PDB file of N, CA and C in Angstrom:
ATOM      1  N   MET A   1      72.841 -65.218  73.139  1.00  0.00           N
ATOM      2  CA  MET A   1      72.503 -63.980  73.580  1.00  0.00           C
ATOM      3  C   MET A   1      71.209 -63.231  73.446  1.00  0.00           C
ATOM      4  N   ILE A   2      70.796 -63.800  71.914  1.00  0.00           N
ATOM      5  CA  ILE A   2      69.829 -64.395  71.306  1.00  0.00           C
ATOM      6  C   ILE A   2      68.378 -64.687  72.349  1.00  0.00           C
ATOM      7  N   GLY A   3      69.031 -65.905  72.739  1.00  0.00           N
ATOM      8  CA  GLY A   3      67.900 -66.760  73.676  1.00  0.00           C
ATOM      9  C   GLY A   3      67.176 -66.290  74.904  1.00  0.00           C
ATOM     10  N   ILE A   4      68.292 -64.613  75.369  1.00  0.00           N
ATOM     11  CA  ILE A   4      67.668 -64.619  77.072  1.00  0.00           C
ATOM     12  C   ILE A   4      66.881 -63.686  76.255  1.00  0.00           C
ATOM     13  N   LEU A   5      66.955 -62.727  75.577  1.00  0.00           N
ATOM     14  CA  LEU A   5      66.449 -61.254  74.883  1.00  0.00           C
ATOM     15  C   LEU A   5      65.137 -61.864  74.635  1.00  0.00           C
ATOM     16  N   VAL A   6      65.042 -63.228  74.190  1.00  0.00           N
ATOM     17  CA  VAL A   6      63.718 -63.245  74.246  1.00  0.00           C
ATOM     18  C   VAL A   6      63.108 -64.156  74.581  1.00  0.00           C
ATOM     19  N   THR A   7      63.342 -65.229  75.915  1.00  0.00           N
ATOM     20  CA  THR A   7      62.704 -65.276  77.088  1.00  0.00           C
ATOM     21  C   THR A   7      62.378 -64.376  77.355  1.00  0.00           C
ATOM     22  N   VAL A   8      63.319 -62.736  77.895  1.00  0.00           N
ATOM     23  CA  VAL A   8      62.853 -62.340  78.992  1.00  0.00           C
ATOM     24  C   VAL A   8      62.014 -61.298  77.695  1.00  0.00           C
ATOM     25  N   LEU A   9      61.866 -61.095  77.040  1.00  0.00           N
ATOM     26  CA  LEU A   9      60.323 -61.008  76.219  1.00  0.00           C
ATOM     27  C   LEU A   9      59.278 -61.473  76.276  1.00  0.00           C
ATOM     28  N   VAL A  10      59.504 -62.743  75.691  1.00  0.00           N
ATOM     29  CA  VAL A  10      57.867 -63.212  76.050  1.00  0.00           C
ATOM     30  C   VAL A  10      57.643 -63.961  77.455  1.00  0.00           C
ATOM     31  N   GLN A  11      59.014 -63.969  78.085  1.00  0.00           N
ATOM     32  CA  GLN A  11      58.600 -64.258  79.592  1.00  0.00           C
ATOM     33  C   GLN A  11      58.458 -65.975  79.355  1.00  0.00           C
ATOM     34  N   SER A  12      58.705 -66.845  78.803  1.00  0.00           N
ATOM     35  CA  SER A  12      58.682 -67.475  78.708  1.00  0.00           C
ATOM     36  C   SER A  12      59.969 -69.132  78.370  1.00  0.00           C
ATOM     37  N   SER A  13      60.394 -69.665  78.866  1.00  0.00           N
ATOM     38  CA  SER A  13      61.719 -70.218  78.387  1.00  0.00           C
ATOM     39  C   SER A  13      61.208 -70.905  77.139  1.00  0.00           C
ATOM     40  N   SER A  14      60.035 -71.830  77.790  1.00  0.00           N
ATOM     41  CA  SER A  14      59.278 -73.185  77.211  1.00  0.00           C
ATOM     42  C   SER A  14      59.103 -72.746  75.543  1.00  0.00           C
ATOM     43  N   THR A  15      58.502 -71.336  75.351  1.00  0.00           N
ATOM     44  CA  THR A  15      58.336 -70.673  74.053  1.00  0.00           C
ATOM     45  C   THR A  15      58.885 -70.220  73.168  1.00  0.00           C
ATOM     46  N   SER A  16      60.257 -69.479  74.068  1.00  0.00           N
ATOM     47  CA  SER A  16      61.328 -69.062  72.980  1.00  0.00           C
ATOM     48  C   SER A  16      61.647 -70.649  72.737  1.00  0.00           C
ATOM     49  N   THR A  17      62.081 -71.377  73.508  1.00  0.00           N
ATOM     50  CA  THR A  17      63.094 -73.000  72.792  1.00  0.00           C
ATOM     51  C   THR A  17      62.422 -73.567  71.751  1.00  0.00           C
ATOM     52  N   SER A  18      60.077 -73.309  72.062  1.00  0.00           N
ATOM     53  CA  SER A  18      60.265 -73.903  71.054  1.00  0.00           C
ATOM     54  C   SER A  18      60.052 -73.454  69.488  1.00  0.00           C
ATOM     55  N   ILE A  19      60.202 -71.892  69.801  1.00  0.00           N
ATOM     56  CA  ILE A  19      60.412 -70.903  68.768  1.00  0.00           C
ATOM     57  C   ILE A  19      61.676 -71.525  68.004  1.00  0.00           C
ATOM     58  N   ILE A  20      62.691 -71.979  68.615  1.00  0.00           N
ATOM     59  CA  ILE A  20      64.231 -72.278  68.026  1.00  0.00           C
ATOM     60  C   ILE A  20      64.058 -73.534  68.034  1.00  0.00           C
ATOM     61  N   VAL A  21      63.442 -74.859  68.087  1.00  0.00           N
ATOM     62  CA  VAL A  21      63.265 -75.618  67.677  1.00  0.00           C
ATOM     63  C   VAL A  21      62.533 -75.513  65.832  1.00  0.00           C
ATOM     64  N   ALA A  22      61.176 -75.278  66.197  1.00  0.00           N
ATOM     65  CA  ALA A  22      60.746 -74.932  64.711  1.00  0.00           C
ATOM     66  C   ALA A  22      61.789 -74.295  63.711  1.00  0.00           C
ATOM     67  N   MET A  23      62.298 -73.326  64.045  1.00  0.00           N
ATOM     68  CA  MET A  23      63.519 -72.826  63.437  1.00  0.00           C
ATOM     69  C   MET A  23      64.475 -73.575  62.511  1.00  0.00           C
ATOM     70  N   VAL A  24      65.230 -74.388  63.631  1.00  0.00           N
ATOM     71  CA  VAL A  24      66.862 -75.226  63.419  1.00  0.00           C
ATOM     72  C   VAL A  24      65.222 -76.500  62.088  1.00  0.00           C
ATOM     73  N   SER A  25      63.664 -76.543  62.723  1.00  0.00           N
ATOM     74  CA  SER A  25      63.188 -77.806  61.773  1.00  0.00           C
ATOM     75  C   SER A  25      63.209 -77.196  60.399  1.00  0.00           C
ATOM     76  N   ALA A  26      62.662 -75.798  60.202  1.00  0.00           N
ATOM     77  CA  ALA A  26      62.608 -75.259  58.835  1.00  0.00           C
ATOM     78  C   ALA A  26      64.078 -74.520  58.035  1.00  0.00           C
ATOM     79  N   GLY A  27      64.697 -75.759  59.054  1.00  0.00           N
ATOM     80  CA  GLY A  27      66.368 -74.541  58.099  1.00  0.00           C
ATOM     81  C   GLY A  27      66.180 -73.200  58.247  1.00  0.00           C
ATOM     82  N   ILE A  28      65.879 -72.738  59.453  1.00  0.00           N
ATOM     83  CA  ILE A  28      66.329 -71.254  59.573  1.00  0.00           C
ATOM     84  C   ILE A  28      67.371 -70.651  60.313  1.00  0.00           C
ATOM     85  N   VAL A  29      67.575 -71.586  60.840  1.00  0.00           N
ATOM     86  CA  VAL A  29      69.170 -71.483  61.973  1.00  0.00           C
ATOM     87  C   VAL A  29      69.460 -72.756  62.251  1.00  0.00           C
ATOM     88  N   GLU A  30      70.971 -73.259  62.001  1.00  0.00           N
ATOM     89  CA  GLU A  30      71.399 -73.735  62.039  1.00  0.00           C
ATOM     90  C   GLU A  30      71.663 -74.270  63.686  1.00  0.00           C
ATOM     91  N   LEU A  31      72.170 -75.899  63.671  1.00  0.00           N
ATOM     92  CA  LEU A  31      71.479 -76.206  64.924  1.00  0.00           C
ATOM     93  C   LEU A  31      72.470 -76.065  65.963  1.00  0.00           C
ATOM     94  N   LYS A  32      73.692 -76.352  65.281  1.00  0.00           N
ATOM     95  CA  LYS A  32      75.475 -75.720  66.985  1.00  0.00           C
ATOM     96  C   LYS A  32      74.458 -74.295  67.541  1.00  0.00           C
ATOM     97  N   PRO A  33      74.200 -73.446  66.375  1.00  0.00           N
ATOM     98  CA  PRO A  33      73.622 -72.081  67.358  1.00  0.00           C
ATOM     99  C   PRO A  33      72.811 -72.074  68.116  1.00  0.00           C
ATOM    100  N   ALA A  34      71.845 -73.560  67.550  1.00  0.00           N
ATOM    101  CA  ALA A  34      70.767 -73.379  68.434  1.00  0.00           C
ATOM    102  C   ALA A  34      70.761 -74.138  69.862  1.00  0.00           C
ATOM    103  N   ILE A  35      71.429 -74.409  70.130  1.00  0.00           N
ATOM    104  CA  ILE A  35      72.304 -75.038  71.539  1.00  0.00           C
ATOM    105  C   ILE A  35      72.229 -74.124  72.166  1.00  0.00           C
ATOM    106  N   SER A  36      73.003 -73.073  71.650  1.00  0.00           N
ATOM    107  CA  SER A  36      73.190 -71.842  72.716  1.00  0.00           C
ATOM    108  C   SER A  36      72.208 -71.005  73.063  1.00  0.00           C
ATOM    109  N   MET A  37      71.529 -71.274  72.123  1.00  0.00           N
ATOM    110  CA  MET A  37      70.329 -70.650  72.104  1.00  0.00           C
ATOM    111  C   MET A  37      69.492 -70.733  72.950  1.00  0.00           C
ATOM    112  N   VAL A  38      69.358 -72.325  72.982  1.00  0.00           N
ATOM    113  CA  VAL A  38      68.456 -72.928  74.051  1.00  0.00           C
ATOM    114  C   VAL A  38      68.791 -73.079  75.908  1.00  0.00           C
ATOM    115  N   MET A  39      70.437 -72.777  75.558  1.00  0.00           N
ATOM    116  CA  MET A  39      70.724 -72.071  76.787  1.00  0.00           C
ATOM    117  C   MET A  39      70.927 -70.859  77.467  1.00  0.00           C
ATOM    118  N   GLY A  40      70.676 -69.854  76.387  1.00  0.00           N
ATOM    119  CA  GLY A  40      70.472 -68.498  76.756  1.00  0.00           C
ATOM    120  C   GLY A  40      68.682 -68.241  76.842  1.00  0.00           C
ATOM    121  N   ALA A  41      68.386 -69.092  76.808  1.00  0.00           N
ATOM    122  CA  ALA A  41      67.054 -69.276  77.087  1.00  0.00           C
ATOM    123  C   ALA A  41      66.613 -69.511  78.583  1.00  0.00           C
ATOM    124  N   ASN A  42      67.511 -70.266  78.852  1.00  0.00           N
ATOM    125  CA  ASN A  42      67.245 -71.115  80.337  1.00  0.00           C
ATOM    126  C   ASN A  42      67.936 -69.907  81.172  1.00  0.00           C
ATOM    127  N   ILE A  43      69.113 -69.323  80.771  1.00  0.00           N
ATOM    128  CA  ILE A  43      69.576 -68.123  81.608  1.00  0.00           C
ATOM    129  C   ILE A  43      68.116 -67.003  81.797  1.00  0.00           C
ATOM    130  N   GLY A  44      68.181 -66.530  80.390  1.00  0.00           N
ATOM    131  CA  GLY A  44      66.398 -65.549  80.017  1.00  0.00           C
ATOM    132  C   GLY A  44      65.612 -66.226  81.227  1.00  0.00           C
ATOM    133  N   THR A  45      65.715 -67.419  81.580  1.00  0.00           N
ATOM    134  CA  THR A  45      64.153 -67.125  82.525  1.00  0.00           C
ATOM    135  C   THR A  45      63.963 -67.264  83.622  1.00  0.00           C
ATOM    136  N   THR A  46      65.252 -67.424  84.721  1.00  0.00           N
ATOM    137  CA  THR A  46      65.777 -66.718  85.750  1.00  0.00           C
ATOM    138  C   THR A  46      65.191 -65.247  85.663  1.00  0.00           C
ATOM    139  N   VAL A  47      65.365 -63.948  84.846  1.00  0.00           N
ATOM    140  CA  VAL A  47      64.797 -62.836  85.259  1.00  0.00           C
ATOM    141  C   VAL A  47      63.088 -63.254  85.127  1.00  0.00           C
ATOM    142  N   THR A  48      62.552 -64.127  85.070  1.00  0.00           N
ATOM    143  CA  THR A  48      61.441 -64.703  85.050  1.00  0.00           C
ATOM    144  C   THR A  48      60.766 -65.181  86.731  1.00  0.00           C
ATOM    145  N   ASN A  49      61.621 -65.625  87.063  1.00  0.00           N
ATOM    146  CA  ASN A  49      61.623 -66.175  88.232  1.00  0.00           C
ATOM    147  C   ASN A  49      61.565 -65.197  89.301  1.00  0.00           C
ATOM    148  N   THR A  50      62.913 -64.137  88.987  1.00  0.00           N
ATOM    149  CA  THR A  50      62.532 -62.851  89.934  1.00  0.00           C
ATOM    150  C   THR A  50      61.591 -61.939  89.954  1.00  0.00           C
ATOM    151  N   ILE A  51      61.176 -61.828  89.032  1.00  0.00           N
ATOM    152  CA  ILE A  51      59.852 -60.687  88.760  1.00  0.00           C
ATOM    153  C   ILE A  51      58.628 -61.690  89.579  1.00  0.00           C
ATOM    154  N   VAL A  52      58.674 -62.379  89.356  1.00  0.00           N
ATOM    155  CA  VAL A  52      57.559 -63.295  89.867  1.00  0.00           C
ATOM    156  C   VAL A  52      57.591 -63.173  91.614  1.00  0.00           C
ATOM    157  N   SER A  53      59.064 -63.523  92.004  1.00  0.00           N
ATOM    158  CA  SER A  53      59.321 -63.593  93.066  1.00  0.00           C
ATOM    159  C   SER A  53      58.842 -62.407  93.702  1.00  0.00           C
ATOM    160  N   LEU A  54      59.102 -61.192  93.279  1.00  0.00           N
ATOM    161  CA  LEU A  54      58.405 -60.227  93.306  1.00  0.00           C
ATOM    162  C   LEU A  54      57.335 -59.622  93.583  1.00  0.00           C
ATOM    163  N   GLY A  55      56.547 -60.421  93.175  1.00  0.00           N
ATOM    164  CA  GLY A  55      55.355 -59.816  93.052  1.00  0.00           C
ATOM    165  C   GLY A  55      54.561 -60.023  94.870  1.00  0.00           C
ATOM    166  N   GLN A  56      55.568 -61.187  95.366  1.00  0.00           N
ATOM    167  CA  GLN A  56      55.180 -61.631  96.780  1.00  0.00           C
ATOM    168  C   GLN A  56      56.001 -60.695  98.016  1.00  0.00           C
ATOM    169  N   SER A  57      56.199 -59.420  97.174  1.00  0.00           N
ATOM    170  CA  SER A  57      56.669 -58.906  98.379  1.00  0.00           C
ATOM    171  C   SER A  57      55.897 -57.665  99.393  1.00  0.00           C
ATOM    172  N   MET A  58      54.824 -58.329  99.132  1.00  0.00           N
ATOM    173  CA  MET A  58      53.751 -57.916 100.287  1.00  0.00           C
ATOM    174  C   MET A  58      53.570 -58.343 101.283  1.00  0.00           C
ATOM    175  N   ASP A  59      53.844 -59.843 101.521  1.00  0.00           N
ATOM    176  CA  ASP A  59      53.932 -60.529 102.242  1.00  0.00           C
ATOM    177  C   ASP A  59      55.527 -60.850 102.842  1.00  0.00           C
ATOM    178  N   ARG A  60      56.102 -60.472 103.578  1.00  0.00           N
ATOM    179  CA  ARG A  60      57.225 -61.000 103.869  1.00  0.00           C
ATOM    180  C   ARG A  60      57.780 -62.226 103.914  1.00  0.00           C
ATOM    181  N   LYS A  61      57.547 -62.955 104.335  1.00  0.00           N
ATOM    182  CA  LYS A  61      57.590 -64.569 104.266  1.00  0.00           C
ATOM    183  C   LYS A  61      57.159 -64.720 103.337  1.00  0.00           C
ATOM    184  N   MET A  62      56.175 -65.039 102.746  1.00  0.00           N
ATOM    185  CA  MET A  62      55.719 -65.410 101.746  1.00  0.00           C
ATOM    186  C   MET A  62      57.202 -64.895 100.548  1.00  0.00           C
ATOM    187  N   PHE A  63      57.234 -63.547 100.476  1.00  0.00           N
ATOM    188  CA  PHE A  63      58.388 -63.256  99.058  1.00  0.00           C
ATOM    189  C   PHE A  63      59.829 -64.124  99.897  1.00  0.00           C
ATOM    190  N   ARG A  64      60.380 -64.279 101.037  1.00  0.00           N
ATOM    191  CA  ARG A  64      61.601 -64.610 101.282  1.00  0.00           C
ATOM    192  C   ARG A  64      61.541 -66.598 100.725  1.00  0.00           C
ATOM    193  N   ARG A  65      59.862 -67.000 100.966  1.00  0.00           N
ATOM    194  CA  ARG A  65      60.210 -67.948 100.225  1.00  0.00           C
ATOM    195  C   ARG A  65      60.114 -68.509  98.855  1.00  0.00           C
ATOM    196  N   ALA A  66      59.655 -67.513  98.118  1.00  0.00           N
ATOM    197  CA  ALA A  66      59.195 -67.600  96.659  1.00  0.00           C
ATOM    198  C   ALA A  66      60.987 -66.678  96.521  1.00  0.00           C
ATOM    199  N   PHE A  67      61.406 -65.550  96.632  1.00  0.00           N
ATOM    200  CA  PHE A  67      62.859 -65.687  96.330  1.00  0.00           C
ATOM    201  C   PHE A  67      63.531 -66.287  96.419  1.00  0.00           C
ATOM    202  N   ALA A  68      63.512 -67.034  97.576  1.00  0.00           N
ATOM    203  CA  ALA A  68      65.022 -68.240  97.991  1.00  0.00           C
ATOM    204  C   ALA A  68      64.408 -69.434  96.651  1.00  0.00           C
ATOM    205  N   GLY A  69      62.793 -69.642  96.329  1.00  0.00           N
ATOM    206  CA  GLY A  69      62.457 -70.959  95.317  1.00  0.00           C
ATOM    207  C   GLY A  69      63.232 -70.143  93.827  1.00  0.00           C
ATOM    208  N   ALA A  70      63.446 -69.050  93.504  1.00  0.00           N
ATOM    209  CA  ALA A  70      63.971 -68.832  92.213  1.00  0.00           C
ATOM    210  C   ALA A  70      64.757 -68.574  92.605  1.00  0.00           C
ATOM    211  N   THR A  71      65.745 -68.313  93.736  1.00  0.00           N
ATOM    212  CA  THR A  71      67.255 -68.070  93.282  1.00  0.00           C
ATOM    213  C   THR A  71      68.140 -70.276  93.404  1.00  0.00           C
ATOM    214  N   VAL A  72      67.089 -71.077  93.493  1.00  0.00           N
ATOM    215  CA  VAL A  72      67.657 -72.414  93.840  1.00  0.00           C
ATOM    216  C   VAL A  72      67.461 -72.335  92.218  1.00  0.00           C
ATOM    217  N   HIS A  73      66.085 -72.385  91.619  1.00  0.00           N
ATOM    218  CA  HIS A  73      65.902 -72.106  89.991  1.00  0.00           C
ATOM    219  C   HIS A  73      66.854 -71.842  89.304  1.00  0.00           C
ATOM    220  N   ASP A  74      67.070 -70.115  89.859  1.00  0.00           N
ATOM    221  CA  ASP A  74      68.296 -69.765  89.284  1.00  0.00           C
ATOM    222  C   ASP A  74      69.688 -70.259  88.924  1.00  0.00           C
ATOM    223  N   CYS A  75      70.181 -70.847  90.927  1.00  0.00           N
ATOM    224  CA  CYS A  75      71.158 -71.584  90.474  1.00  0.00           C
ATOM    225  C   CYS A  75      71.929 -72.474  89.625  1.00  0.00           C
ATOM    226  N   PHE A  76      70.380 -73.687  89.253  1.00  0.00           N
ATOM    227  CA  PHE A  76      70.418 -74.372  89.365  1.00  0.00           C
ATOM    228  C   PHE A  76      70.420 -74.109  86.881  1.00  0.00           C
ATOM    229  N   ASN A  77      69.663 -73.953  87.023  1.00  0.00           N
ATOM    230  CA  ASN A  77      69.656 -73.294  85.369  1.00  0.00           C
ATOM    231  C   ASN A  77      71.066 -72.628  85.165  1.00  0.00           C
ATOM    232  N   TRP A  78      71.809 -71.586  85.497  1.00  0.00           N
ATOM    233  CA  TRP A  78      72.990 -71.154  85.836  1.00  0.00           C
ATOM    234  C   TRP A  78      74.140 -72.343  86.135  1.00  0.00           C
ATOM    235  N   LEU A  79      74.798 -72.901  87.221  1.00  0.00           N
ATOM    236  CA  LEU A  79      74.848 -73.970  87.100  1.00  0.00           C
ATOM    237  C   LEU A  79      75.387 -75.235  85.927  1.00  0.00           C
ATOM    238  N   CYS A  80      73.867 -75.366  85.089  1.00  0.00           N
ATOM    239  CA  CYS A  80      73.902 -76.084  83.745  1.00  0.00           C
ATOM    240  C   CYS A  80      74.895 -75.767  82.668  1.00  0.00           C
ATOM    241  N   VAL A  81      74.021 -74.463  82.634  1.00  0.00           N
ATOM    242  CA  VAL A  81      74.818 -73.440  81.510  1.00  0.00           C
ATOM    243  C   VAL A  81      76.314 -73.475  81.700  1.00  0.00           C
ATOM    244  N   LEU A  82      76.805 -73.410  83.372  1.00  0.00           N
ATOM    245  CA  LEU A  82      78.124 -73.530  83.488  1.00  0.00           C
ATOM    246  C   LEU A  82      78.677 -74.501  82.860  1.00  0.00           C
ATOM    247  N   ILE A  83      78.304 -75.212  83.167  1.00  0.00           N
ATOM    248  CA  ILE A  83      78.953 -76.444  82.949  1.00  0.00           C
ATOM    249  C   ILE A  83      79.029 -77.538  81.580  1.00  0.00           C
ATOM    250  N   PHE A  84      77.713 -76.992  80.982  1.00  0.00           N
ATOM    251  CA  PHE A  84      77.348 -77.799  79.612  1.00  0.00           C
ATOM    252  C   PHE A  84      77.796 -76.970  78.383  1.00  0.00           C
ATOM    253  N   LEU A  85      78.164 -75.177  78.383  1.00  0.00           N
ATOM    254  CA  LEU A  85      78.373 -74.577  77.011  1.00  0.00           C
ATOM    255  C   LEU A  85      80.034 -74.710  77.264  1.00  0.00           C
ATOM    256  N   PRO A  86      80.690 -75.162  78.248  1.00  0.00           N
ATOM    257  CA  PRO A  86      81.890 -75.385  77.763  1.00  0.00           C
ATOM    258  C   PRO A  86      81.978 -76.809  77.639  1.00  0.00           C
ATOM    259  N   LEU A  87      81.182 -77.248  77.917  1.00  0.00           N
ATOM    260  CA  LEU A  87      81.728 -78.904  77.298  1.00  0.00           C
ATOM    261  C   LEU A  87      80.659 -79.496  76.242  1.00  0.00           C
ATOM    262  N   GLU A  88      80.143 -78.438  75.996  1.00  0.00           N
ATOM    263  CA  GLU A  88      79.478 -78.079  74.406  1.00  0.00           C
ATOM    264  C   GLU A  88      81.058 -77.672  73.312  1.00  0.00           C
ATOM    265  N   ALA A  89      81.289 -76.592  73.638  1.00  0.00           N
ATOM    266  CA  ALA A  89      82.316 -75.953  73.218  1.00  0.00           C
ATOM    267  C   ALA A  89      83.413 -76.801  72.649  1.00  0.00           C
ATOM    268  N   ILE A  90      83.958 -77.831  73.885  1.00  0.00           N
ATOM    269  CA  ILE A  90      84.691 -78.674  73.822  1.00  0.00           C
ATOM    270  C   ILE A  90      84.554 -79.964  72.679  1.00  0.00           C
ATOM    271  N   ALA A  91      83.532 -80.671  73.192  1.00  0.00           N
ATOM    272  CA  ALA A  91      83.548 -82.256  72.604  1.00  0.00           C
ATOM    273  C   ALA A  91      82.312 -82.075  71.627  1.00  0.00           C
ATOM    274  N   HIS A  92      81.157 -81.278  71.864  1.00  0.00           N
ATOM    275  CA  HIS A  92      80.219 -81.338  71.035  1.00  0.00           C
ATOM    276  C   HIS A  92      79.150 -81.780  71.719  1.00  0.00           C
ATOM    277  N   PRO A  93      78.512 -83.279  72.741  1.00  0.00           N
ATOM    278  CA  PRO A  93      78.061 -84.405  73.075  1.00  0.00           C
ATOM    279  C   PRO A  93      76.611 -83.878  72.722  1.00  0.00           C
ATOM    280  N   LEU A  94      76.422 -82.107  73.187  1.00  0.00           N
ATOM    281  CA  LEU A  94      74.646 -82.084  72.356  1.00  0.00           C
ATOM    282  C   LEU A  94      74.667 -81.958  70.934  1.00  0.00           C
ATOM    283  N   LEU A  95      75.542 -81.364  70.061  1.00  0.00           N
ATOM    284  CA  LEU A  95      75.334 -81.396  69.242  1.00  0.00           C
ATOM    285  C   LEU A  95      75.080 -82.621  68.124  1.00  0.00           C
ATOM    286  N   ARG A  96      76.058 -83.935  68.887  1.00  0.00           N
ATOM    287  CA  ARG A  96      76.135 -85.276  68.650  1.00  0.00           C
ATOM    288  C   ARG A  96      75.093 -86.673  68.740  1.00  0.00           C
ATOM    289  N   ILE A  97      74.603 -85.354  69.921  1.00  0.00           N
ATOM    290  CA  ILE A  97      73.702 -86.279  70.449  1.00  0.00           C
ATOM    291  C   ILE A  97      72.140 -86.029  69.464  1.00  0.00           C
ATOM    292  N   SER A  98      71.671 -84.798  69.359  1.00  0.00           N
ATOM    293  CA  SER A  98      70.979 -84.174  68.674  1.00  0.00           C
ATOM    294  C   SER A  98      70.879 -84.806  66.449  1.00  0.00           C
ATOM    295  N   GLU A  99      72.264 -84.630  66.165  1.00  0.00           N
ATOM    296  CA  GLU A  99      72.393 -85.282  64.820  1.00  0.00           C
ATOM    297  C   GLU A  99      71.729 -86.227  64.617  1.00  0.00           C
ATOM    298  N   ALA A 100      72.224 -87.037  65.927  1.00  0.00           N
ATOM    299  CA  ALA A 100      72.348 -88.702  66.168  1.00  0.00           C
ATOM    300  C   ALA A 100      70.731 -89.118  65.846  1.00  0.00           C
ATOM    301  N   LEU A 101      69.916 -88.570  66.765  1.00  0.00           N
ATOM    302  CA  LEU A 101      68.203 -88.093  67.423  1.00  0.00           C
ATOM    303  C   LEU A 101      68.025 -87.852  65.793  1.00  0.00           C
ATOM    304  N   THR A 102      68.380 -86.764  65.023  1.00  0.00           N
ATOM    305  CA  THR A 102      67.240 -86.585  64.165  1.00  0.00           C
ATOM    306  C   THR A 102      67.342 -87.080  62.675  1.00  0.00           C
ATOM    307  N   GLY A 103      68.426 -87.571  63.325  1.00  0.00           N
ATOM    308  CA  GLY A 103      69.071 -88.902  62.190  1.00  0.00           C
ATOM    309  C   GLY A 103      68.368 -90.044  61.836  1.00  0.00           C
ATOM    310  N   ARG A 104      68.460 -90.551  62.889  1.00  0.00           N
ATOM    311  CA  ARG A 104      67.158 -91.629  62.924  1.00  0.00           C
ATOM    312  C   ARG A 104      65.603 -91.747  63.064  1.00  0.00           C
ATOM    313  N   ILE A 105      65.278 -90.168  63.658  1.00  0.00           N
ATOM    314  CA  ILE A 105      63.971 -89.772  63.046  1.00  0.00           C
ATOM    315  C   ILE A 105      63.612 -89.596  61.135  1.00  0.00           C
ATOM    316  N   ARG A 106      64.607 -89.413  60.540  1.00  0.00           N
ATOM    317  CA  ARG A 106      65.104 -88.993  59.683  1.00  0.00           C
ATOM    318  C   ARG A 106      64.167 -90.147  58.730  1.00  0.00           C
ATOM    319  N   ARG A 107      65.933 -91.071  59.093  1.00  0.00           N
ATOM    320  CA  ARG A 107      65.385 -92.557  58.424  1.00  0.00           C
ATOM    321  C   ARG A 107      64.228 -93.590  59.164  1.00  0.00           C
ATOM    322  N   MET A 108      63.857 -93.151  59.459  1.00  0.00           N
ATOM    323  CA  MET A 108      62.479 -93.913  60.277  1.00  0.00           C
ATOM    324  C   MET A 108      60.876 -93.448  59.822  1.00  0.00           C
ATOM    325  N   LYS A 109      61.184 -92.234  59.105  1.00  0.00           N
ATOM    326  CA  LYS A 109      60.232 -91.321  58.162  1.00  0.00           C
ATOM    327  C   LYS A 109      60.788 -92.109  56.895  1.00  0.00           C
ATOM    328  N   ARG A 110      61.379 -92.447  56.408  1.00  0.00           N
ATOM    329  CA  ARG A 110      61.557 -92.600  55.127  1.00  0.00           C
ATOM    330  C   ARG A 110      61.205 -94.084  55.389  1.00  0.00           C
ATOM    331  N   PHE A 111      61.289 -94.916  56.562  1.00  0.00           N
ATOM    332  CA  PHE A 111      60.493 -96.007  55.938  1.00  0.00           C
ATOM    333  C   PHE A 111      59.319 -96.407  56.112  1.00  0.00           C
ATOM    334  N   LEU A 112      58.865 -95.626  56.562  1.00  0.00           N
ATOM    335  CA  LEU A 112      57.321 -95.605  56.982  1.00  0.00           C
ATOM    336  C   LEU A 112      56.705 -94.968  55.969  1.00  0.00           C
ATOM    337  N   SER A 113      57.596 -94.439  55.344  1.00  0.00           N
ATOM    338  CA  SER A 113      56.955 -93.687  53.950  1.00  0.00           C
ATOM    339  C   SER A 113      57.005 -94.016  53.116  1.00  0.00           C
TER     340      SER A 113
END
C-alpha cells in the first residue's frame, strides 16, 4: 500500500522505487517488506498512465490509442504483481535472489578494499 501511495503522489514508479532501494540500503526498511513496496509502486504507476491518457481526451482517436496503451501497461503490471506476489509469499524467490546479489556485492567490496 505504501508503494502505491508514494507512486501516486510523485507520479513516478522509478522515483518511489529508488527511494525504497535507498531506504533498504540505509537500513531504514528491511528487504522483505521492500519487495512488496516495489510491487505496490508498479500498481501505483497504473494511475499515472490513466491520467496521461485522459490528457488526450480532446481528440477521440488519440484518446482511444492512448487509453489502449495505458490499459495494456496496466494489465502487464497487474499481471506481474498477481503472479509474483503470491509466489514471493510462498517461496520467496525475489528475496533469495536479492540477498544473494547483495551478499556478493558486499564480498566484492571487501575484496577490493
